[in-house]
Amino acid sequence: MIRTALIVLLACAPAPAQQGFRPLFNGKDLSGWKHVGPGSFVVEDGMLKTVGGMGLLYYEKEKFGNCTVRVVYKTASDHANSGVVIRLPEPPPDPWFGVHNGYEVQIDAGGDDWHSTGAIYSISKVTSRQQKPKGEWNVMEIELRGPVTRITLNGVLVNEYREGSPVPPRKMWYEPVRGPRADSGYIGLQNHDPNSTVYFREVSVKPLS
């Protein structure tokens, strides 16, 4: 019984951040984070869980630039939708501020190359699909190096974008307004809709050498 209980506790515990990474989520509560918009994030078994939406949970204590953002997540369904918002120049008053003033690094296995996991939503497409099936953990690393954004998913570079590179025309109202983004800014996590559940067990950062 003791061994079984220990296994359960270990399974529920948040994953320790990798060497050199500083965790922004403590696995216990939302200290340092603020939510705007509909829905919410809750802490469940040491993980952040999306609820409803569309909303945005952002780390309000500081901005980040010239660093690697590491996010460990899993989806509850094959088409669950979420995202990691980067380069937010100011605290967002609403979730759409993040879309139009920062970049959303997409989490959605079902989208096309411009809107699937690892894409900078409708700005820069992925070069390959690397998200694991529902229920399996994924490791996304987003490198912010001045005007360059590099996105690695499960050890594979899937996207690299430099400010000023050509982008497709904006077609829909919900697609991000085109234009330059800040070299540094706040980061956040999106809770997209009531039918999308995504779990995050690690959000951490490491300065670039």
N, C-alpha and C. Protein backbone atom coordinates (compact mmCIF):
# COMPACT_ATOMS: atom_id res chain seq x y z
N MET A 1 0.83 -1.20 0.00
CA MET A 1 0.00 0.00 0.00
C MET A 1 0.86 1.26 0.00
N ILE A 2 1.94 1.25 0.80
CA ILE A 2 2.82 2.42 0.87
C ILE A 2 3.45 2.68 -0.48
N ARG A 3 3.92 1.60 -1.14
CA ARG A 3 4.56 1.75 -2.45
C ARG A 3 3.57 2.30 -3.47
N THR A 4 2.31 1.82 -3.44
CA THR A 4 1.29 2.30 -4.37
C THR A 4 1.01 3.78 -4.15
N ALA A 5 0.91 4.18 -2.88
CA ALA A 5 0.65 5.59 -2.56
C ALA A 5 1.78 6.47 -3.04
N LEU A 6 3.02 5.99 -2.89
CA LEU A 6 4.17 6.76 -3.34
C LEU A 6 4.16 6.95 -4.84
N ILE A 7 3.80 5.91 -5.59
CA ILE A 7 3.72 6.01 -7.05
C ILE A 7 2.69 7.06 -7.46
N VAL A 8 1.53 7.07 -6.77
CA VAL A 8 0.49 8.04 -7.07
C VAL A 8 0.97 9.45 -6.81
N LEU A 9 1.66 9.66 -5.68
CA LEU A 9 2.18 10.99 -5.35
C LEU A 9 3.19 11.47 -6.37
N LEU A 10 4.08 10.58 -6.80
CA LEU A 10 5.07 10.96 -7.79
C LEU A 10 4.43 11.29 -9.13
N ALA A 11 3.39 10.56 -9.48
CA ALA A 11 2.71 10.81 -10.75
C ALA A 11 2.02 12.16 -10.76
N CYS A 12 1.56 12.62 -9.58
CA CYS A 12 0.84 13.88 -9.50
C CYS A 12 1.75 15.07 -9.28
N ALA A 13 2.98 14.82 -8.89
CA ALA A 13 3.89 15.92 -8.58
C ALA A 13 4.32 16.64 -9.84
N PRO A 14 4.49 17.98 -9.77
CA PRO A 14 4.97 18.71 -10.95
C PRO A 14 6.38 18.30 -11.31
N ALA A 15 6.67 18.28 -12.60
CA ALA A 15 8.00 17.89 -13.04
C ALA A 15 9.01 18.96 -12.68
N PRO A 16 10.19 18.59 -12.16
CA PRO A 16 11.20 19.60 -11.85
C PRO A 16 11.72 20.24 -13.12
N ALA A 17 12.00 21.54 -13.04
CA ALA A 17 12.54 22.23 -14.20
C ALA A 17 13.92 21.68 -14.55
N GLN A 18 14.25 21.70 -15.84
CA GLN A 18 15.54 21.21 -16.30
C GLN A 18 16.65 22.15 -15.82
N GLN A 19 17.86 21.65 -15.84
CA GLN A 19 19.00 22.40 -15.32
C GLN A 19 19.11 23.75 -16.03
N GLY A 20 19.26 24.80 -15.23
CA GLY A 20 19.39 26.14 -15.77
C GLY A 20 18.08 26.86 -15.98
N PHE A 21 16.96 26.15 -15.91
CA PHE A 21 15.65 26.76 -16.09
C PHE A 21 15.05 27.15 -14.74
N ARG A 22 14.44 28.31 -14.70
CA ARG A 22 13.76 28.80 -13.49
C ARG A 22 12.26 28.61 -13.65
N PRO A 23 11.63 27.86 -12.77
CA PRO A 23 10.19 27.65 -12.91
C PRO A 23 9.39 28.91 -12.59
N LEU A 24 8.37 29.18 -13.41
CA LEU A 24 7.45 30.27 -13.15
C LEU A 24 6.16 29.77 -12.51
N PHE A 25 5.87 28.50 -12.66
CA PHE A 25 4.71 27.87 -12.04
C PHE A 25 5.21 26.96 -10.93
N ASN A 26 4.68 27.18 -9.71
CA ASN A 26 5.19 26.44 -8.55
C ASN A 26 4.52 25.11 -8.29
N GLY A 27 3.55 24.73 -9.13
CA GLY A 27 2.88 23.45 -8.95
C GLY A 27 1.83 23.44 -7.86
N LYS A 28 1.61 24.60 -7.21
CA LYS A 28 0.68 24.65 -6.09
C LYS A 28 -0.46 25.63 -6.28
N ASP A 29 -0.13 26.82 -6.81
CA ASP A 29 -1.15 27.85 -6.97
C ASP A 29 -0.74 28.79 -8.10
N LEU A 30 -1.48 29.87 -8.26
CA LEU A 30 -1.25 30.81 -9.37
C LEU A 30 -0.44 32.03 -8.94
N SER A 31 0.41 31.87 -7.96
CA SER A 31 1.25 32.97 -7.50
C SER A 31 2.08 33.52 -8.66
N GLY A 32 2.01 34.84 -8.87
CA GLY A 32 2.76 35.49 -9.93
C GLY A 32 2.02 35.57 -11.24
N TRP A 33 0.87 34.92 -11.33
CA TRP A 33 0.11 34.87 -12.58
C TRP A 33 -1.20 35.64 -12.43
N LYS A 34 -1.70 36.17 -13.55
CA LYS A 34 -2.97 36.89 -13.57
C LYS A 34 -3.75 36.47 -14.80
N HIS A 35 -5.07 36.31 -14.64
CA HIS A 35 -5.92 35.87 -15.73
C HIS A 35 -6.81 37.01 -16.21
N VAL A 36 -6.96 37.12 -17.54
CA VAL A 36 -7.89 38.08 -18.14
C VAL A 36 -8.79 37.33 -19.12
N GLY A 37 -10.04 37.78 -19.23
CA GLY A 37 -10.96 37.18 -20.18
C GLY A 37 -11.78 36.06 -19.58
N PRO A 38 -12.66 35.44 -20.39
CA PRO A 38 -13.53 34.36 -19.93
C PRO A 38 -12.76 33.11 -19.53
N GLY A 39 -13.45 32.22 -18.81
CA GLY A 39 -12.83 30.97 -18.38
C GLY A 39 -11.79 31.20 -17.32
N SER A 40 -10.92 30.21 -17.14
CA SER A 40 -9.92 30.30 -16.08
C SER A 40 -8.88 29.21 -16.26
N PHE A 41 -7.87 29.26 -15.42
CA PHE A 41 -6.94 28.15 -15.20
C PHE A 41 -7.10 27.71 -13.76
N VAL A 42 -7.05 26.40 -13.54
CA VAL A 42 -7.08 25.87 -12.19
C VAL A 42 -5.85 24.99 -12.00
N VAL A 43 -5.44 24.82 -10.76
CA VAL A 43 -4.34 23.93 -10.45
C VAL A 43 -4.93 22.60 -10.01
N GLU A 44 -4.57 21.54 -10.74
CA GLU A 44 -5.12 20.21 -10.48
C GLU A 44 -3.97 19.19 -10.49
N ASP A 45 -3.75 18.53 -9.38
CA ASP A 45 -2.70 17.51 -9.27
C ASP A 45 -1.33 18.07 -9.70
N GLY A 46 -1.05 19.30 -9.30
CA GLY A 46 0.24 19.91 -9.60
C GLY A 46 0.39 20.43 -11.01
N MET A 47 -0.73 20.53 -11.74
CA MET A 47 -0.68 21.00 -13.13
C MET A 47 -1.64 22.17 -13.31
N LEU A 48 -1.33 23.04 -14.26
CA LEU A 48 -2.27 24.05 -14.71
C LEU A 48 -3.22 23.42 -15.71
N LYS A 49 -4.51 23.64 -15.51
CA LYS A 49 -5.53 23.06 -16.39
C LYS A 49 -6.39 24.18 -16.97
N THR A 50 -6.58 24.18 -18.30
CA THR A 50 -7.44 25.17 -18.93
C THR A 50 -8.91 24.85 -18.66
N VAL A 51 -9.68 25.92 -18.45
CA VAL A 51 -11.13 25.79 -18.24
C VAL A 51 -11.82 26.88 -19.06
N GLY A 52 -12.68 26.47 -20.00
CA GLY A 52 -13.45 27.45 -20.77
C GLY A 52 -12.56 28.37 -21.58
N GLY A 53 -13.10 29.55 -21.90
CA GLY A 53 -12.32 30.53 -22.65
C GLY A 53 -13.22 31.35 -23.58
N MET A 54 -12.62 32.30 -24.35
CA MET A 54 -11.17 32.39 -24.53
C MET A 54 -10.59 33.40 -23.53
N GLY A 55 -9.57 32.92 -22.81
CA GLY A 55 -8.91 33.75 -21.83
C GLY A 55 -7.40 33.63 -21.95
N LEU A 56 -6.71 34.39 -21.11
CA LEU A 56 -5.25 34.41 -21.12
C LEU A 56 -4.73 34.52 -19.71
N LEU A 57 -3.87 33.59 -19.33
CA LEU A 57 -3.18 33.62 -18.05
C LEU A 57 -1.75 34.06 -18.32
N TYR A 58 -1.32 35.19 -17.75
CA TYR A 58 0.03 35.66 -18.03
C TYR A 58 0.82 35.86 -16.75
N TYR A 59 2.13 35.71 -16.89
CA TYR A 59 3.02 35.90 -15.74
C TYR A 59 3.29 37.39 -15.61
N GLU A 60 2.78 37.99 -14.54
CA GLU A 60 2.75 39.44 -14.45
C GLU A 60 3.96 40.06 -13.75
N LYS A 61 4.87 39.25 -13.23
CA LYS A 61 5.94 39.80 -12.40
C LYS A 61 7.11 40.37 -13.19
N GLU A 62 7.29 39.94 -14.46
CA GLU A 62 8.41 40.45 -15.24
C GLU A 62 8.25 40.13 -16.71
N LYS A 63 9.03 40.85 -17.53
CA LYS A 63 9.10 40.58 -18.96
C LYS A 63 10.30 39.68 -19.25
N PHE A 64 10.26 39.02 -20.40
CA PHE A 64 11.33 38.10 -20.77
C PHE A 64 11.79 38.35 -22.20
N GLY A 65 13.10 38.37 -22.38
CA GLY A 65 13.72 38.46 -23.69
C GLY A 65 15.08 37.80 -23.63
N ASN A 66 15.62 37.42 -24.78
CA ASN A 66 16.90 36.71 -24.83
C ASN A 66 16.92 35.55 -23.84
N CYS A 67 15.99 34.66 -24.02
CA CYS A 67 15.85 33.51 -23.12
C CYS A 67 15.17 32.38 -23.88
N THR A 68 15.14 31.23 -23.23
CA THR A 68 14.36 30.10 -23.72
C THR A 68 13.21 29.86 -22.77
N VAL A 69 12.01 29.82 -23.31
CA VAL A 69 10.81 29.50 -22.54
C VAL A 69 10.51 28.03 -22.76
N ARG A 70 10.42 27.28 -21.69
CA ARG A 70 10.17 25.84 -21.77
C ARG A 70 8.78 25.55 -21.20
N VAL A 71 7.95 24.85 -22.00
CA VAL A 71 6.60 24.52 -21.60
C VAL A 71 6.39 23.02 -21.80
N VAL A 72 5.97 22.35 -20.76
CA VAL A 72 5.67 20.92 -20.83
C VAL A 72 4.16 20.75 -20.68
N TYR A 73 3.51 20.16 -21.68
CA TYR A 73 2.06 20.13 -21.70
C TYR A 73 1.56 18.82 -22.31
N LYS A 74 0.28 18.55 -22.07
CA LYS A 74 -0.41 17.46 -22.76
C LYS A 74 -1.84 17.89 -23.02
N THR A 75 -2.44 17.30 -24.04
CA THR A 75 -3.82 17.62 -24.40
C THR A 75 -4.74 16.47 -24.00
N ALA A 76 -5.99 16.82 -23.71
CA ALA A 76 -6.97 15.80 -23.34
C ALA A 76 -7.69 15.22 -24.55
N SER A 77 -7.55 15.88 -25.71
CA SER A 77 -8.15 15.38 -26.95
C SER A 77 -7.23 15.74 -28.10
N ASP A 78 -7.44 15.09 -29.23
CA ASP A 78 -6.55 15.28 -30.37
C ASP A 78 -6.66 16.67 -30.99
N HIS A 79 -7.77 17.37 -30.73
CA HIS A 79 -7.97 18.68 -31.34
C HIS A 79 -8.06 19.79 -30.30
N ALA A 80 -7.55 19.54 -29.10
CA ALA A 80 -7.55 20.59 -28.07
C ALA A 80 -6.71 21.77 -28.53
N ASN A 81 -7.20 22.97 -28.24
CA ASN A 81 -6.61 24.21 -28.73
C ASN A 81 -6.12 25.05 -27.55
N SER A 82 -4.90 25.55 -27.67
CA SER A 82 -4.34 26.45 -26.67
C SER A 82 -3.18 27.18 -27.34
N GLY A 83 -2.34 27.83 -26.56
CA GLY A 83 -1.20 28.51 -27.13
C GLY A 83 -0.34 29.14 -26.05
N VAL A 84 0.89 29.45 -26.42
CA VAL A 84 1.81 30.17 -25.55
C VAL A 84 2.02 31.54 -26.18
N VAL A 85 1.67 32.58 -25.44
CA VAL A 85 1.77 33.94 -25.95
C VAL A 85 3.10 34.55 -25.49
N ILE A 86 3.83 35.14 -26.41
CA ILE A 86 5.15 35.71 -26.13
C ILE A 86 5.20 37.15 -26.64
N ARG A 87 6.24 37.87 -26.19
CA ARG A 87 6.54 39.23 -26.66
C ARG A 87 5.39 40.21 -26.43
N LEU A 88 4.70 40.07 -25.30
CA LEU A 88 3.64 41.01 -24.95
C LEU A 88 4.27 42.28 -24.38
N PRO A 89 4.11 43.43 -25.02
CA PRO A 89 4.82 44.63 -24.56
C PRO A 89 4.28 45.23 -23.28
N GLU A 90 3.00 44.98 -22.99
CA GLU A 90 2.34 45.55 -21.81
C GLU A 90 1.44 44.50 -21.19
N PRO A 91 1.07 44.68 -19.92
CA PRO A 91 0.08 43.77 -19.33
C PRO A 91 -1.20 43.78 -20.14
N PRO A 92 -1.70 42.63 -20.56
CA PRO A 92 -2.88 42.60 -21.45
C PRO A 92 -4.16 42.92 -20.70
N PRO A 93 -4.97 43.85 -21.22
CA PRO A 93 -6.26 44.13 -20.60
C PRO A 93 -7.32 43.08 -20.96
N ASP A 94 -7.07 42.32 -22.02
CA ASP A 94 -8.01 41.29 -22.47
C ASP A 94 -7.21 40.25 -23.26
N PRO A 95 -7.78 39.06 -23.54
CA PRO A 95 -7.02 38.00 -24.22
C PRO A 95 -6.66 38.33 -25.66
N TRP A 96 -7.43 39.17 -26.34
CA TRP A 96 -7.12 39.51 -27.72
C TRP A 96 -5.93 40.44 -27.84
N PHE A 97 -5.60 41.14 -26.76
CA PHE A 97 -4.40 41.97 -26.77
C PHE A 97 -3.16 41.13 -27.04
N GLY A 98 -3.16 39.92 -26.47
CA GLY A 98 -2.03 39.02 -26.70
C GLY A 98 -1.92 38.57 -28.13
N VAL A 99 -3.05 38.33 -28.79
CA VAL A 99 -3.06 37.90 -30.18
C VAL A 99 -2.52 38.99 -31.10
N HIS A 100 -2.93 40.23 -30.86
CA HIS A 100 -2.65 41.32 -31.79
C HIS A 100 -1.39 42.12 -31.47
N ASN A 101 -0.87 41.98 -30.26
CA ASN A 101 0.30 42.75 -29.87
C ASN A 101 1.51 41.90 -29.52
N GLY A 102 1.28 40.62 -29.29
CA GLY A 102 2.37 39.66 -29.12
C GLY A 102 2.26 38.62 -30.22
N TYR A 103 2.87 37.46 -29.98
CA TYR A 103 2.73 36.32 -30.89
C TYR A 103 2.16 35.15 -30.11
N GLU A 104 1.24 34.42 -30.73
CA GLU A 104 0.73 33.18 -30.15
C GLU A 104 1.43 32.00 -30.81
N VAL A 105 2.19 31.26 -30.03
CA VAL A 105 2.76 30.00 -30.50
C VAL A 105 1.67 28.94 -30.30
N GLN A 106 1.16 28.43 -31.39
CA GLN A 106 -0.05 27.60 -31.38
C GLN A 106 0.17 26.24 -30.73
N ILE A 107 -0.84 25.79 -30.02
CA ILE A 107 -0.98 24.39 -29.60
C ILE A 107 -2.31 23.90 -30.17
N ASP A 108 -2.24 23.09 -31.21
CA ASP A 108 -3.44 22.55 -31.86
C ASP A 108 -2.99 21.57 -32.95
N ALA A 109 -3.10 20.29 -32.67
CA ALA A 109 -2.62 19.29 -33.63
C ALA A 109 -3.45 19.25 -34.90
N GLY A 110 -4.67 19.83 -34.88
CA GLY A 110 -5.57 19.69 -36.01
C GLY A 110 -5.51 20.79 -37.04
N GLY A 111 -4.73 21.86 -36.79
CA GLY A 111 -4.71 22.97 -37.72
C GLY A 111 -3.82 22.71 -38.93
N ASP A 112 -3.90 23.63 -39.93
CA ASP A 112 -2.97 23.53 -41.05
C ASP A 112 -1.60 24.04 -40.61
N ASP A 113 -0.65 24.10 -41.54
CA ASP A 113 0.73 24.41 -41.16
C ASP A 113 0.88 25.81 -40.56
N TRP A 114 -0.04 26.71 -40.86
CA TRP A 114 0.01 28.07 -40.32
C TRP A 114 -0.68 28.17 -38.97
N HIS A 115 -1.41 27.12 -38.59
CA HIS A 115 -2.24 27.18 -37.38
C HIS A 115 -2.12 25.91 -36.53
N SER A 116 -1.05 25.17 -36.70
CA SER A 116 -0.86 23.95 -35.92
C SER A 116 0.24 24.14 -34.88
N THR A 117 0.42 23.15 -34.05
CA THR A 117 1.34 23.26 -32.93
C THR A 117 2.75 23.63 -33.39
N GLY A 118 3.24 24.72 -32.82
CA GLY A 118 4.57 25.22 -33.16
C GLY A 118 4.55 26.38 -34.13
N ALA A 119 3.41 26.61 -34.80
CA ALA A 119 3.28 27.78 -35.68
C ALA A 119 3.16 29.04 -34.84
N ILE A 120 3.69 30.15 -35.34
CA ILE A 120 3.31 31.45 -34.81
C ILE A 120 2.03 31.80 -35.54
N TYR A 121 0.95 31.78 -34.83
CA TYR A 121 -0.40 31.73 -35.39
C TYR A 121 -0.59 32.67 -36.57
N SER A 122 -0.76 32.10 -37.75
CA SER A 122 -1.02 32.74 -39.05
C SER A 122 0.11 33.68 -39.50
N ILE A 123 1.25 33.63 -38.81
CA ILE A 123 2.41 34.48 -39.14
C ILE A 123 3.55 33.66 -39.74
N SER A 124 3.88 32.54 -39.09
CA SER A 124 5.02 31.72 -39.51
C SER A 124 4.65 30.25 -39.34
N LYS A 125 4.69 29.48 -40.42
CA LYS A 125 4.21 28.11 -40.39
C LYS A 125 5.27 27.13 -39.91
N VAL A 126 4.79 25.95 -39.51
CA VAL A 126 5.71 24.89 -39.06
C VAL A 126 6.30 24.17 -40.26
N THR A 127 7.47 23.57 -40.04
CA THR A 127 8.11 22.77 -41.08
C THR A 127 7.84 21.28 -40.90
N SER A 128 7.34 20.89 -39.71
CA SER A 128 6.96 19.49 -39.50
C SER A 128 6.00 19.41 -38.32
N ARG A 129 5.31 18.27 -38.21
CA ARG A 129 4.34 18.04 -37.14
C ARG A 129 4.97 17.11 -36.11
N GLN A 130 5.09 17.59 -34.88
CA GLN A 130 5.79 16.80 -33.88
C GLN A 130 4.99 16.59 -32.59
N GLN A 131 3.76 17.08 -32.51
CA GLN A 131 2.99 16.90 -31.29
C GLN A 131 2.60 15.45 -31.10
N LYS A 132 2.70 14.97 -29.87
CA LYS A 132 2.34 13.60 -29.55
C LYS A 132 0.83 13.46 -29.38
N PRO A 133 0.32 12.23 -29.42
CA PRO A 133 -1.13 12.03 -29.27
C PRO A 133 -1.62 12.49 -27.90
N LYS A 134 -2.93 12.66 -27.80
CA LYS A 134 -3.55 13.10 -26.55
C LYS A 134 -3.09 12.23 -25.38
N GLY A 135 -2.91 12.86 -24.24
CA GLY A 135 -2.51 12.15 -23.03
C GLY A 135 -1.02 11.98 -22.86
N GLU A 136 -0.23 12.28 -23.89
CA GLU A 136 1.22 12.16 -23.80
C GLU A 136 1.85 13.55 -23.64
N TRP A 137 2.92 13.59 -22.87
CA TRP A 137 3.56 14.87 -22.58
C TRP A 137 4.41 15.35 -23.75
N ASN A 138 4.33 16.65 -24.01
CA ASN A 138 5.12 17.31 -25.04
C ASN A 138 6.02 18.37 -24.40
N VAL A 139 7.18 18.56 -24.97
CA VAL A 139 8.11 19.59 -24.50
C VAL A 139 8.29 20.61 -25.62
N MET A 140 7.85 21.83 -25.37
CA MET A 140 8.03 22.92 -26.32
C MET A 140 9.03 23.91 -25.74
N GLU A 141 10.03 24.27 -26.54
CA GLU A 141 11.00 25.28 -26.13
C GLU A 141 10.96 26.41 -27.15
N ILE A 142 10.78 27.63 -26.65
CA ILE A 142 10.68 28.82 -27.49
C ILE A 142 11.87 29.71 -27.17
N GLU A 143 12.76 29.85 -28.13
CA GLU A 143 13.94 30.67 -27.94
C GLU A 143 13.67 32.08 -28.46
N LEU A 144 13.83 33.05 -27.58
CA LEU A 144 13.68 34.46 -27.95
C LEU A 144 15.08 35.06 -27.97
N ARG A 145 15.59 35.32 -29.16
CA ARG A 145 16.93 35.88 -29.30
C ARG A 145 16.82 37.16 -30.14
N GLY A 146 16.67 38.29 -29.43
CA GLY A 146 16.45 39.55 -30.14
C GLY A 146 15.22 39.44 -31.02
N PRO A 147 15.34 39.72 -32.32
CA PRO A 147 14.19 39.67 -33.23
C PRO A 147 13.87 38.28 -33.76
N VAL A 148 14.60 37.27 -33.32
CA VAL A 148 14.43 35.91 -33.83
C VAL A 148 13.68 35.05 -32.81
N THR A 149 12.73 34.28 -33.31
CA THR A 149 12.00 33.31 -32.49
C THR A 149 12.21 31.93 -33.07
N ARG A 150 12.71 31.00 -32.27
CA ARG A 150 12.90 29.61 -32.69
C ARG A 150 12.06 28.71 -31.80
N ILE A 151 11.35 27.78 -32.42
CA ILE A 151 10.44 26.92 -31.68
C ILE A 151 10.83 25.46 -31.91
N THR A 152 11.11 24.79 -30.83
CA THR A 152 11.47 23.37 -30.86
C THR A 152 10.37 22.59 -30.16
N LEU A 153 9.91 21.50 -30.77
CA LEU A 153 8.87 20.66 -30.19
C LEU A 153 9.38 19.24 -30.11
N ASN A 154 9.45 18.72 -28.89
CA ASN A 154 9.93 17.36 -28.65
C ASN A 154 11.28 17.11 -29.32
N GLY A 155 12.16 18.11 -29.19
CA GLY A 155 13.53 17.98 -29.66
C GLY A 155 13.77 18.30 -31.12
N VAL A 156 12.72 18.70 -31.85
CA VAL A 156 12.85 18.99 -33.28
C VAL A 156 12.53 20.46 -33.53
N LEU A 157 13.42 21.16 -34.25
CA LEU A 157 13.15 22.55 -34.63
C LEU A 157 12.03 22.56 -35.66
N VAL A 158 10.91 23.21 -35.33
CA VAL A 158 9.75 23.20 -36.23
C VAL A 158 9.43 24.57 -36.81
N ASN A 159 10.08 25.62 -36.30
CA ASN A 159 9.75 26.96 -36.77
C ASN A 159 10.87 27.92 -36.40
N GLU A 160 11.19 28.82 -37.30
CA GLU A 160 12.13 29.90 -37.03
C GLU A 160 11.66 31.14 -37.77
N TYR A 161 11.50 32.21 -37.03
CA TYR A 161 10.96 33.44 -37.62
C TYR A 161 11.78 34.63 -37.17
N ARG A 162 12.11 35.50 -38.13
CA ARG A 162 12.83 36.75 -37.84
C ARG A 162 11.90 37.92 -38.16
N GLU A 163 11.88 38.89 -37.26
CA GLU A 163 11.08 40.08 -37.48
C GLU A 163 11.38 40.69 -38.85
N GLY A 164 10.33 41.05 -39.56
CA GLY A 164 10.48 41.64 -40.88
C GLY A 164 10.40 40.65 -42.02
N SER A 165 10.39 39.35 -41.72
CA SER A 165 10.25 38.35 -42.78
C SER A 165 8.86 38.45 -43.40
N PRO A 166 8.73 38.07 -44.67
CA PRO A 166 7.41 38.13 -45.32
C PRO A 166 6.39 37.25 -44.59
N VAL A 167 5.17 37.75 -44.49
CA VAL A 167 4.08 37.00 -43.85
C VAL A 167 2.87 37.05 -44.77
N PRO A 168 1.98 36.06 -44.67
CA PRO A 168 0.78 36.08 -45.53
C PRO A 168 -0.16 37.21 -45.13
N PRO A 169 -1.01 37.65 -46.04
CA PRO A 169 -1.97 38.70 -45.71
C PRO A 169 -2.97 38.24 -44.66
N ARG A 170 -3.43 39.17 -43.88
CA ARG A 170 -4.44 38.88 -42.85
C ARG A 170 -5.79 38.70 -43.53
N LYS A 171 -6.47 37.56 -43.27
CA LYS A 171 -7.71 37.24 -43.96
C LYS A 171 -8.94 37.32 -43.07
N MET A 172 -8.80 36.98 -41.78
CA MET A 172 -9.94 36.92 -40.88
C MET A 172 -9.75 37.90 -39.73
N TRP A 173 -10.86 38.34 -39.13
CA TRP A 173 -10.79 39.33 -38.07
C TRP A 173 -10.02 38.83 -36.85
N TYR A 174 -10.07 37.51 -36.62
CA TYR A 174 -9.44 36.97 -35.43
C TYR A 174 -7.95 36.66 -35.63
N GLU A 175 -7.46 36.81 -36.84
CA GLU A 175 -6.03 36.61 -37.05
C GLU A 175 -5.26 37.84 -36.58
N PRO A 176 -4.02 37.66 -36.15
CA PRO A 176 -3.28 38.77 -35.55
C PRO A 176 -3.03 39.91 -36.52
N VAL A 177 -3.12 41.13 -36.00
CA VAL A 177 -2.72 42.30 -36.75
C VAL A 177 -1.24 42.18 -37.09
N ARG A 178 -0.89 42.46 -38.34
CA ARG A 178 0.51 42.37 -38.75
C ARG A 178 1.29 43.56 -38.23
N GLY A 179 2.58 43.36 -38.04
CA GLY A 179 3.44 44.43 -37.56
C GLY A 179 4.49 43.91 -36.62
N PRO A 180 5.52 44.72 -36.34
CA PRO A 180 6.62 44.26 -35.49
C PRO A 180 6.19 44.03 -34.06
N ARG A 181 6.89 43.13 -33.39
CA ARG A 181 6.67 42.85 -31.97
C ARG A 181 7.93 43.20 -31.18
N ALA A 182 7.75 43.33 -29.87
CA ALA A 182 8.86 43.72 -29.00
C ALA A 182 9.88 42.60 -28.87
N ASP A 183 11.14 42.97 -28.62
CA ASP A 183 12.17 41.96 -28.39
C ASP A 183 11.95 41.23 -27.08
N SER A 184 11.31 41.88 -26.12
CA SER A 184 11.02 41.24 -24.84
C SER A 184 9.61 41.59 -24.42
N GLY A 185 9.04 40.78 -23.54
CA GLY A 185 7.68 41.06 -23.08
C GLY A 185 7.19 39.99 -22.13
N TYR A 186 5.94 40.14 -21.74
CA TYR A 186 5.30 39.16 -20.86
C TYR A 186 4.99 37.89 -21.66
N ILE A 187 4.85 36.79 -20.93
CA ILE A 187 4.45 35.53 -21.56
C ILE A 187 3.17 35.03 -20.91
N GLY A 188 2.38 34.27 -21.68
CA GLY A 188 1.12 33.79 -21.15
C GLY A 188 0.70 32.48 -21.77
N LEU A 189 -0.36 31.91 -21.22
CA LEU A 189 -0.95 30.67 -21.70
C LEU A 189 -2.43 30.93 -22.01
N GLN A 190 -2.89 30.37 -23.10
CA GLN A 190 -4.26 30.60 -23.53
C GLN A 190 -5.18 29.46 -23.12
N ASN A 191 -6.35 29.79 -22.57
CA ASN A 191 -7.45 28.82 -22.44
C ASN A 191 -8.46 29.18 -23.50
N HIS A 192 -8.61 28.28 -24.50
CA HIS A 192 -9.25 28.66 -25.76
C HIS A 192 -10.77 28.54 -25.76
N ASP A 193 -11.30 27.41 -25.29
CA ASP A 193 -12.75 27.19 -25.38
C ASP A 193 -13.15 26.05 -24.46
N PRO A 194 -14.46 25.89 -24.17
CA PRO A 194 -14.91 24.86 -23.24
C PRO A 194 -14.63 23.44 -23.68
N ASN A 195 -14.42 23.21 -24.98
CA ASN A 195 -14.18 21.87 -25.48
C ASN A 195 -12.69 21.51 -25.56
N SER A 196 -11.82 22.44 -25.19
CA SER A 196 -10.38 22.20 -25.25
C SER A 196 -9.80 22.19 -23.84
N THR A 197 -9.23 21.05 -23.47
CA THR A 197 -8.58 20.94 -22.16
C THR A 197 -7.12 20.60 -22.38
N VAL A 198 -6.25 21.45 -21.85
CA VAL A 198 -4.81 21.27 -21.96
C VAL A 198 -4.22 21.40 -20.57
N TYR A 199 -3.26 20.53 -20.25
CA TYR A 199 -2.58 20.54 -18.96
C TYR A 199 -1.13 20.98 -19.14
N PHE A 200 -0.66 21.84 -18.24
CA PHE A 200 0.72 22.30 -18.25
C PHE A 200 1.35 21.93 -16.91
N ARG A 201 2.43 21.16 -16.96
CA ARG A 201 3.09 20.80 -15.70
C ARG A 201 4.39 21.57 -15.49
N GLU A 202 4.86 22.26 -16.51
CA GLU A 202 6.05 23.09 -16.34
C GLU A 202 5.98 24.30 -17.25
N VAL A 203 6.27 25.46 -16.68
CA VAL A 203 6.53 26.69 -17.44
C VAL A 203 7.77 27.29 -16.80
N SER A 204 8.85 27.35 -17.54
CA SER A 204 10.11 27.82 -16.98
C SER A 204 10.89 28.59 -18.02
N VAL A 205 11.90 29.33 -17.55
CA VAL A 205 12.71 30.16 -18.44
C VAL A 205 14.18 30.00 -18.10
N LYS A 206 15.02 30.19 -19.11
CA LYS A 206 16.47 30.15 -18.94
C LYS A 206 17.12 31.23 -19.79
N PRO A 207 17.92 32.11 -19.22
CA PRO A 207 18.58 33.14 -20.03
C PRO A 207 19.49 32.50 -21.07
N LEU A 208 19.61 33.16 -22.23
CA LEU A 208 20.51 32.68 -23.25
C LEU A 208 21.95 33.00 -22.84
N SER A 209 22.84 32.11 -23.20
CA SER A 209 24.25 32.33 -22.89
C SER A 209 24.82 33.37 -23.84
